[in-house]
Amino acid sequence: MSNVSHTYEMRAMAAGHSPGAALRSLIIGSMAFLTVVDLFATQAILPSLARHYDVSPAAMGFAVNASTMGMAIAGLIVGLFSPKIERRSGILVSLGILAIPTVCLAFAPNLTVFTLLRIAQGLCMSAAFALTLAYLGEQCSATDAGGAFAAYIAGNVASNLIGRLISAAVADNFGLASNFYFFAALNLAGAVMVYFTIHRAKPMQTVEEAMHSPLAALAEHMRNPSLRAAFGIGFCILFAFIGTFTYVNFVLVRPPLALDRMQLGFVYFVFLPSMVTTLFAGAAVERFGTRPAIWGALALAAAGLPLLLLPKLPAVLTGMVLVGAGTFFAQAAATGFVGRAAKSNRGVASGTYLACYFCGGLVGSAVLGQLFDRLGWTACVIGVGISLMAAARLAIRLRT
């Protein structure tokens, strides 16, 4: 396929009128899946890992979610230097290197090494993630960008569901080490897919952008009240998501629910509705506007929180469905907003958003883990609710 035709296809990936729109959306979603499948899949085996390393839920939760530290660091660095990085090569190298720390997790001797390897995974995942978002933003028209970003976030949702199922199934049948070997193979599969589906694309820069240093571009974005609000919303979204889907695992394996490892994996079919609803985020923003779309999504997530406290599995599962659908929808809407609100140096803006988003995950893991260990699940859920309210308050400032 020529570069011209391939660029046309990438630009049309989100266009509903295109005959191959569904296939192109599938390609975008699959790229997202293979890029970030390692991020949350390990949460499905959190209780088993805590027993393996003989540590508390908060300690294991922080170690597993330490990948978000690497994600935040790499997101910012890639964002700042995005104008210098050729997209295809950067994504390929990131996914290829990602397989190394993934394999090493299979024989990590202690929690410290495990944590460092998770950070290394995060660095690689975020680099590929940020460069792909930049690529889509440059290759898609303004009209199609919302749908393309929604398809990419939907692939992220799929990685949460399918990744956790795979992790639970492989660990249950073949042991914890085999789980990490399998995911290393998926990392390499992602690199192969990128090789065959993305063409070389130099970063798009105007003369004005080329004259700005990365730090000057970052400062310019931070002076934009709407972008600052979007960055804060990203922080709050992953703070809430991490708090819910990390520590609910320990609630599910304890009485009265008392699920085993395989049953815990099947629980994550709760992400199935999110795979569908997230695809409509772009259309919802187009019809109702960014703020109403985000408010509606956050309200949906908040409605699920009381259900998480009930000692009945159907209620807890329903709560997880609502929190997952709401937070992913809000994430898709916020991601698209950043691409529209940044009038220049969009790579820097996207990288900054991702850094804030993943910082929220790291802080959420640490803060809500302490609440869970010291005060229990109810206090953890209250912390999630406060984060959702903060995101709703920040959404008032969004202007394009």
Protein backbone atom coordinates (compact mmCIF):
# COMPACT_ATOMS: atom_id res chain seq x y z
CA MET A 1 0.00 0.00 0.00
CA SER A 2 1.38 3.38 -0.93
CA ASN A 3 1.93 6.10 1.63
CA VAL A 4 -0.74 8.26 -0.02
CA SER A 5 -3.43 5.60 0.11
CA HIS A 6 -2.45 4.54 3.59
CA THR A 7 -2.64 8.13 4.82
CA TYR A 8 -6.08 8.41 3.27
CA GLU A 9 -7.20 5.28 5.10
CA MET A 10 -5.85 6.50 8.43
CA ARG A 11 -7.65 9.81 7.94
CA ALA A 12 -10.85 7.97 7.14
CA MET A 13 -10.61 5.52 10.01
CA ALA A 14 -13.30 7.26 11.97
CA ALA A 15 -15.49 8.33 9.05
CA GLY A 16 -18.76 6.46 9.20
CA HIS A 17 -19.43 6.95 5.49
CA SER A 18 -16.28 5.08 4.47
CA PRO A 19 -16.84 1.47 3.31
CA GLY A 20 -13.87 0.30 5.36
CA ALA A 21 -14.63 2.36 8.49
CA ALA A 22 -15.37 -0.67 10.67
CA LEU A 23 -12.15 -2.41 9.60
CA ARG A 24 -10.08 0.70 10.18
CA SER A 25 -11.65 1.23 13.61
CA LEU A 26 -10.79 -2.39 14.38
CA ILE A 27 -7.17 -1.73 13.38
CA ILE A 28 -6.98 1.33 15.64
CA GLY A 29 -8.57 -0.58 18.52
CA SER A 30 -6.26 -3.55 18.05
CA MET A 31 -3.21 -1.28 18.11
CA ALA A 32 -4.42 0.21 21.40
CA PHE A 33 -5.10 -3.25 22.82
CA LEU A 34 -1.63 -4.58 22.05
CA THR A 35 0.01 -1.37 23.27
CA VAL A 36 -1.48 -1.22 26.78
CA VAL A 37 -2.61 -4.79 27.45
CA ASP A 38 0.07 -5.14 30.15
CA LEU A 39 -1.12 -2.07 32.06
CA PHE A 40 -4.11 -3.47 33.92
CA ALA A 41 -4.07 -7.20 33.10
CA THR A 42 -1.95 -7.92 36.17
CA GLN A 43 -4.72 -6.59 38.42
CA ALA A 44 -6.66 -9.79 37.77
CA ILE A 45 -3.99 -11.73 39.68
CA LEU A 46 -3.34 -9.14 42.40
CA PRO A 47 -4.41 -11.38 45.31
CA SER A 48 -2.19 -14.20 44.00
CA LEU A 49 0.77 -11.83 43.63
CA ALA A 50 0.22 -10.46 47.14
CA ARG A 51 0.39 -14.01 48.50
CA HIS A 52 3.43 -14.82 46.33
CA TYR A 53 5.41 -11.84 47.66
CA ASP A 54 3.76 -12.00 51.12
CA VAL A 55 2.80 -8.30 51.18
CA SER A 56 -0.28 -6.22 51.98
CA PRO A 57 -2.93 -5.26 49.38
CA ALA A 58 -1.73 -1.63 49.40
CA ALA A 59 1.92 -2.64 48.82
CA MET A 60 1.04 -5.02 45.99
CA GLY A 61 -1.43 -2.55 44.49
CA PHE A 62 1.22 0.17 44.43
CA ALA A 63 3.80 -2.18 42.87
CA VAL A 64 1.45 -3.32 40.11
CA ASN A 65 0.31 0.23 39.40
CA ALA A 66 3.89 1.57 39.44
CA SER A 67 3.63 1.18 35.67
CA THR A 68 1.63 4.41 35.75
CA MET A 69 4.76 6.20 37.03
CA GLY A 70 6.61 5.11 33.92
CA MET A 71 3.59 6.01 31.82
CA ALA A 72 3.52 9.54 33.26
CA ILE A 73 7.26 10.11 32.81
CA ALA A 74 7.38 8.80 29.25
CA GLY A 75 4.16 10.58 28.31
CA LEU A 76 5.65 13.92 29.25
CA ILE A 77 9.08 13.24 27.71
CA VAL A 78 7.62 11.95 24.44
CA GLY A 79 5.22 14.87 24.38
CA LEU A 80 8.02 17.38 24.79
CA PHE A 81 10.24 15.80 22.16
CA SER A 82 7.41 14.57 19.92
CA PRO A 83 8.33 17.01 17.11
CA LYS A 84 11.68 15.20 16.77
CA ILE A 85 10.40 11.59 16.81
CA GLU A 86 9.42 9.72 13.67
CA ARG A 87 6.11 8.06 14.58
CA ARG A 88 6.41 4.56 13.14
CA SER A 89 9.97 3.92 14.32
CA GLY A 90 9.19 5.23 17.81
CA ILE A 91 6.15 2.97 18.20
CA LEU A 92 8.00 -0.08 16.84
CA VAL A 93 11.01 0.36 19.13
CA SER A 94 8.82 0.99 22.18
CA LEU A 95 6.76 -2.18 21.70
CA GLY A 96 9.81 -4.29 20.92
CA ILE A 97 11.66 -3.19 24.05
CA LEU A 98 8.47 -3.61 26.12
CA ALA A 99 8.79 -7.39 25.81
CA ILE A 100 12.04 -7.34 27.84
CA PRO A 101 10.73 -6.14 31.23
CA THR A 102 7.58 -8.19 30.66
CA VAL A 103 9.62 -11.39 30.42
CA CYS A 104 11.74 -10.39 33.42
CA LEU A 105 8.62 -10.06 35.60
CA ALA A 106 8.30 -13.84 35.40
CA PHE A 107 11.31 -14.29 37.69
CA ALA A 108 11.40 -11.01 39.67
CA PRO A 109 12.97 -12.05 43.01
CA ASN A 110 11.26 -9.47 45.23
CA LEU A 111 8.73 -6.66 45.26
CA THR A 112 11.33 -3.94 44.64
CA VAL A 113 12.52 -5.53 41.40
CA PHE A 114 8.91 -6.21 40.42
CA THR A 115 8.08 -2.53 40.94
CA LEU A 116 11.05 -1.33 38.87
CA LEU A 117 10.13 -3.67 36.03
CA ARG A 118 6.56 -2.36 36.08
CA ILE A 119 7.94 1.18 35.80
CA ALA A 120 10.02 0.08 32.81
CA GLN A 121 6.91 -1.41 31.22
CA GLY A 122 5.12 1.88 31.74
CA LEU A 123 7.89 3.83 30.03
CA CYS A 124 7.61 1.68 26.91
CA MET A 125 3.80 1.51 26.84
CA SER A 126 3.39 5.25 27.27
CA ALA A 127 5.91 6.07 24.54
CA ALA A 128 4.00 3.90 22.05
CA PHE A 129 0.64 5.19 23.31
CA ALA A 130 1.60 8.88 23.06
CA LEU A 131 3.17 8.51 19.61
CA THR A 132 0.11 6.68 18.30
CA LEU A 133 -2.21 9.40 19.60
CA ALA A 134 0.02 12.00 17.94
CA TYR A 135 -0.03 10.01 14.70
CA LEU A 136 -3.84 9.80 14.72
CA GLY A 137 -4.16 13.48 15.54
CA GLU A 138 -1.95 14.38 12.58
CA GLN A 139 -3.43 11.92 10.07
CA CYS A 140 -7.13 12.38 10.91
CA SER A 141 -9.17 15.43 10.01
CA ALA A 142 -10.69 17.53 12.79
CA THR A 143 -14.08 15.97 12.04
CA ASP A 144 -12.83 12.40 12.21
CA ALA A 145 -10.43 12.79 15.12
CA GLY A 146 -13.09 12.27 17.80
CA GLY A 147 -14.12 8.92 16.34
CA ALA A 148 -10.51 7.81 15.88
CA PHE A 149 -9.62 8.66 19.47
CA ALA A 150 -12.80 6.91 20.66
CA ALA A 151 -11.82 3.77 18.73
CA TYR A 152 -8.36 3.92 20.31
CA ILE A 153 -9.80 4.30 23.82
CA ALA A 154 -12.22 1.45 23.04
CA GLY A 155 -9.19 -0.72 22.32
CA ASN A 156 -7.86 0.37 25.69
CA VAL A 157 -11.14 -0.81 27.23
CA ALA A 158 -10.79 -4.14 25.43
CA SER A 159 -7.32 -4.56 26.90
CA ASN A 160 -8.83 -4.17 30.36
CA LEU A 161 -11.36 -6.93 29.73
CA ILE A 162 -9.48 -9.41 27.54
CA GLY A 163 -6.11 -8.77 29.19
CA ARG A 164 -7.50 -9.57 32.63
CA LEU A 165 -9.28 -12.68 31.36
CA ILE A 166 -6.09 -13.91 29.71
CA SER A 167 -4.03 -13.13 32.78
CA ALA A 168 -6.40 -14.99 35.09
CA ALA A 169 -6.71 -17.99 32.76
CA VAL A 170 -2.98 -18.37 32.04
CA ALA A 171 -1.96 -17.90 35.67
CA ASP A 172 -4.64 -20.31 36.87
CA ASN A 173 -3.67 -23.05 34.42
CA PHE A 174 0.06 -22.57 33.92
CA GLY A 175 1.30 -20.47 36.86
CA LEU A 176 2.26 -16.84 37.44
CA ALA A 177 5.48 -16.96 35.41
CA SER A 178 3.76 -18.24 32.26
CA ASN A 179 1.43 -15.27 32.45
CA PHE A 180 4.28 -12.83 31.85
CA TYR A 181 5.82 -14.91 29.05
CA PHE A 182 2.48 -14.85 27.24
CA PHE A 183 2.15 -11.09 27.52
CA ALA A 184 5.68 -10.60 26.22
CA ALA A 185 4.55 -12.47 23.09
CA LEU A 186 1.61 -10.06 22.79
CA ASN A 187 4.03 -7.12 23.00
CA LEU A 188 5.95 -8.49 20.03
CA ALA A 189 2.69 -9.11 18.16
CA GLY A 190 1.89 -5.43 18.62
CA ALA A 191 5.21 -4.47 17.05
CA VAL A 192 4.50 -6.74 14.08
CA MET A 193 1.06 -5.17 13.61
CA VAL A 194 2.50 -1.67 13.65
CA TYR A 195 5.11 -2.72 11.08
CA PHE A 196 2.41 -3.78 8.62
CA THR A 197 -0.26 -1.12 9.28
CA ILE A 198 1.54 2.20 9.87
CA HIS A 199 3.68 4.00 7.33
CA ARG A 200 6.53 6.36 8.14
CA ALA A 201 5.18 9.76 9.11
CA LYS A 202 7.29 12.70 10.14
CA PRO A 203 5.78 14.95 12.80
CA MET A 204 3.70 17.75 11.33
CA GLN A 205 4.93 21.17 12.42
CA THR A 206 4.13 24.68 11.41
CA VAL A 207 6.92 27.25 11.18
CA GLU A 208 5.65 28.78 14.42
CA GLU A 209 5.77 25.40 16.21
CA ALA A 210 9.29 24.70 14.96
CA MET A 211 10.47 27.97 16.51
CA HIS A 212 9.09 27.05 19.95
CA SER A 213 11.16 24.98 22.33
CA PRO A 214 9.30 22.03 23.94
CA LEU A 215 9.35 23.75 27.33
CA ALA A 216 7.97 26.95 25.80
CA ALA A 217 5.17 24.93 24.21
CA LEU A 218 4.45 23.26 27.55
CA ALA A 219 4.32 26.64 29.29
CA GLU A 220 1.94 27.92 26.62
CA HIS A 221 -0.42 24.98 27.16
CA MET A 222 -0.31 25.39 30.93
CA ARG A 223 -1.43 29.02 30.51
CA ASN A 224 -4.55 27.79 28.72
CA PRO A 225 -7.30 27.40 31.40
CA SER A 226 -9.23 24.86 29.33
CA LEU A 227 -6.19 22.65 28.81
CA ARG A 228 -5.25 22.89 32.50
CA ALA A 229 -8.76 21.75 33.36
CA ALA A 230 -8.55 18.86 30.89
CA PHE A 231 -5.22 17.77 32.40
CA GLY A 232 -6.82 17.81 35.86
CA ILE A 233 -9.81 15.81 34.62
CA GLY A 234 -7.45 13.17 33.25
CA PHE A 235 -5.73 12.98 36.66
CA CYS A 236 -9.06 12.52 38.46
CA ILE A 237 -10.38 9.92 35.99
CA LEU A 238 -7.53 7.46 36.42
CA PHE A 239 -7.37 8.20 40.16
CA ALA A 240 -10.99 7.00 40.39
CA PHE A 241 -10.52 4.08 37.99
CA ILE A 242 -7.43 2.75 39.74
CA GLY A 243 -9.06 3.08 43.16
CA THR A 244 -12.04 1.07 42.04
CA PHE A 245 -10.52 -1.68 39.93
CA THR A 246 -7.38 -2.30 41.97
CA TYR A 247 -8.87 -2.76 45.42
CA VAL A 248 -12.22 -4.26 44.44
CA ASN A 249 -10.20 -7.39 43.61
CA PHE A 250 -9.49 -7.91 47.31
CA VAL A 251 -13.17 -7.37 48.17
CA LEU A 252 -14.20 -9.97 45.59
CA VAL A 253 -11.90 -12.71 46.94
CA ARG A 254 -12.88 -12.17 50.57
CA PRO A 255 -16.10 -13.38 52.26
CA PRO A 256 -18.97 -13.01 51.64
CA LEU A 257 -18.21 -13.01 47.89
CA ALA A 258 -15.13 -15.28 48.06
CA LEU A 259 -14.38 -15.72 44.34
CA ASP A 260 -11.52 -17.90 43.18
CA ARG A 261 -8.85 -16.74 40.68
CA MET A 262 -10.66 -17.90 37.55
CA GLN A 263 -13.98 -16.49 38.71
CA LEU A 264 -12.21 -13.21 39.40
CA GLY A 265 -11.05 -13.14 35.80
CA PHE A 266 -14.59 -13.64 34.49
CA VAL A 267 -15.75 -10.72 36.62
CA TYR A 268 -14.04 -8.41 34.14
CA PHE A 269 -16.71 -9.00 31.56
CA VAL A 270 -18.00 -5.87 33.29
CA PHE A 271 -15.87 -3.98 30.75
CA LEU A 272 -17.83 -5.40 27.82
CA PRO A 273 -20.45 -2.60 27.79
CA SER A 274 -17.65 -0.01 27.89
CA MET A 275 -16.22 -1.40 24.66
CA VAL A 276 -19.47 -0.40 22.96
CA THR A 277 -20.36 2.83 24.77
CA THR A 278 -16.89 4.36 24.43
CA LEU A 279 -17.17 4.25 20.65
CA PHE A 280 -20.02 6.77 20.88
CA ALA A 281 -18.01 9.32 22.85
CA GLY A 282 -17.03 11.25 19.73
CA ALA A 283 -20.64 11.40 18.50
CA ALA A 284 -21.88 12.45 21.95
CA VAL A 285 -19.37 15.31 22.11
CA GLU A 286 -20.35 16.37 18.58
CA ARG A 287 -24.04 16.45 19.49
CA PHE A 288 -24.11 17.66 23.09
CA GLY A 289 -20.71 19.28 23.62
CA THR A 290 -17.69 18.24 25.67
CA ARG A 291 -18.89 19.39 29.07
CA PRO A 292 -22.32 17.70 29.01
CA ALA A 293 -20.74 14.50 27.67
CA ILE A 294 -18.16 14.42 30.47
CA TRP A 295 -20.72 15.35 33.15
CA GLY A 296 -23.03 12.58 31.99
CA ALA A 297 -20.19 10.05 32.01
CA LEU A 298 -19.03 11.07 35.49
CA ALA A 299 -22.60 10.92 36.82
CA LEU A 300 -22.91 7.40 35.44
CA ALA A 301 -19.69 6.37 37.19
CA ALA A 302 -20.81 7.97 40.47
CA ALA A 303 -24.11 6.08 40.31
CA GLY A 304 -22.17 2.83 40.49
CA LEU A 305 -20.28 3.64 43.69
CA PRO A 306 -23.03 2.81 46.25
CA LEU A 307 -23.54 -0.56 44.56
CA LEU A 308 -19.89 -1.46 45.20
CA LEU A 309 -20.55 -1.42 48.95
CA LEU A 310 -23.36 -3.99 48.90
CA PRO A 311 -22.51 -7.61 49.91
CA LYS A 312 -24.19 -9.03 46.80
CA LEU A 313 -22.21 -10.02 43.72
CA PRO A 314 -24.82 -8.79 41.16
CA ALA A 315 -24.84 -5.36 42.82
CA VAL A 316 -21.04 -5.12 42.88
CA LEU A 317 -20.82 -6.20 39.24
CA THR A 318 -23.41 -3.61 38.21
CA GLY A 319 -21.45 -0.96 40.08
CA MET A 320 -18.27 -1.99 38.27
CA VAL A 321 -20.07 -1.78 34.91
CA LEU A 322 -21.22 1.77 35.64
CA VAL A 323 -17.85 2.97 36.92
CA GLY A 324 -16.02 1.41 33.97
CA ALA A 325 -18.41 2.76 31.33
CA GLY A 326 -18.47 6.23 32.88
CA THR A 327 -14.73 6.66 33.34
CA PHE A 328 -13.78 5.33 29.90
CA PHE A 329 -16.40 7.51 28.21
CA ALA A 330 -15.11 10.56 30.07
CA GLN A 331 -11.53 9.63 29.14
CA ALA A 332 -12.39 9.41 25.45
CA ALA A 333 -14.18 12.78 25.55
CA ALA A 334 -11.31 14.46 27.43
CA THR A 335 -8.66 13.01 25.10
CA GLY A 336 -10.49 14.32 22.05
CA PHE A 337 -10.91 17.72 23.71
CA VAL A 338 -7.16 18.11 24.24
CA GLY A 339 -6.53 17.49 20.54
CA ARG A 340 -9.05 20.21 19.61
CA ALA A 341 -8.17 22.74 22.29
CA ALA A 342 -4.42 22.69 21.57
CA LYS A 343 -4.11 24.98 18.58
CA SER A 344 -0.41 24.18 18.15
CA ASN A 345 2.14 21.64 19.42
CA ARG A 346 -0.52 18.98 19.86
CA GLY A 347 2.08 16.32 20.60
CA VAL A 348 3.20 18.29 23.64
CA ALA A 349 -0.42 18.77 24.74
CA SER A 350 -1.24 15.07 24.36
CA GLY A 351 1.93 14.06 26.21
CA THR A 352 1.13 16.44 29.05
CA TYR A 353 -2.40 15.09 29.29
CA LEU A 354 -1.13 11.51 29.43
CA ALA A 355 1.43 12.45 32.10
CA CYS A 356 -1.31 13.96 34.26
CA TYR A 357 -3.64 11.04 33.56
CA PHE A 358 -1.13 8.43 34.64
CA CYS A 359 0.06 10.50 37.61
CA GLY A 360 -3.53 10.29 38.76
CA GLY A 361 -3.31 6.51 38.59
CA LEU A 362 -0.13 6.41 40.66
CA VAL A 363 -1.45 8.81 43.28
CA GLY A 364 -4.78 7.01 43.36
CA SER A 365 -3.06 3.69 43.92
CA ALA A 366 -1.03 5.08 46.83
CA VAL A 367 -3.71 7.21 48.53
CA LEU A 368 -6.64 4.89 48.08
CA GLY A 369 -4.48 1.89 48.98
CA GLN A 370 -3.78 3.45 52.36
CA LEU A 371 -7.47 4.19 52.84
CA PHE A 372 -8.27 0.59 51.97
CA ASP A 373 -5.67 -0.87 54.34
CA ARG A 374 -6.37 1.47 57.24
CA LEU A 375 -10.07 2.34 56.99
CA GLY A 376 -11.57 -0.27 54.67
CA TRP A 377 -13.40 -0.48 51.37
CA THR A 378 -16.05 2.14 52.22
CA ALA A 379 -13.41 4.82 52.78
CA CYS A 380 -11.76 3.84 49.48
CA VAL A 381 -15.06 4.22 47.60
CA ILE A 382 -15.65 7.63 49.22
CA GLY A 383 -12.22 8.69 47.96
CA VAL A 384 -13.23 7.61 44.45
CA GLY A 385 -16.40 9.68 44.72
CA ILE A 386 -14.46 12.79 45.73
CA SER A 387 -12.22 12.36 42.68
CA LEU A 388 -15.24 12.13 40.36
CA MET A 389 -16.73 15.29 41.87
CA ALA A 390 -13.43 17.12 41.38
CA ALA A 391 -13.41 16.09 37.69
CA ALA A 392 -16.98 17.36 37.27
CA ARG A 393 -16.02 20.68 38.83
CA LEU A 394 -13.03 21.05 36.50
CA ALA A 395 -15.20 20.35 33.45
CA ILE A 396 -16.89 23.75 33.97
CA ARG A 397 -13.70 25.38 32.65
CA LEU A 398 -13.60 23.52 29.34
CA ARG A 399 -13.79 25.86 26.36
CA THR A 400 -12.73 25.23 22.76
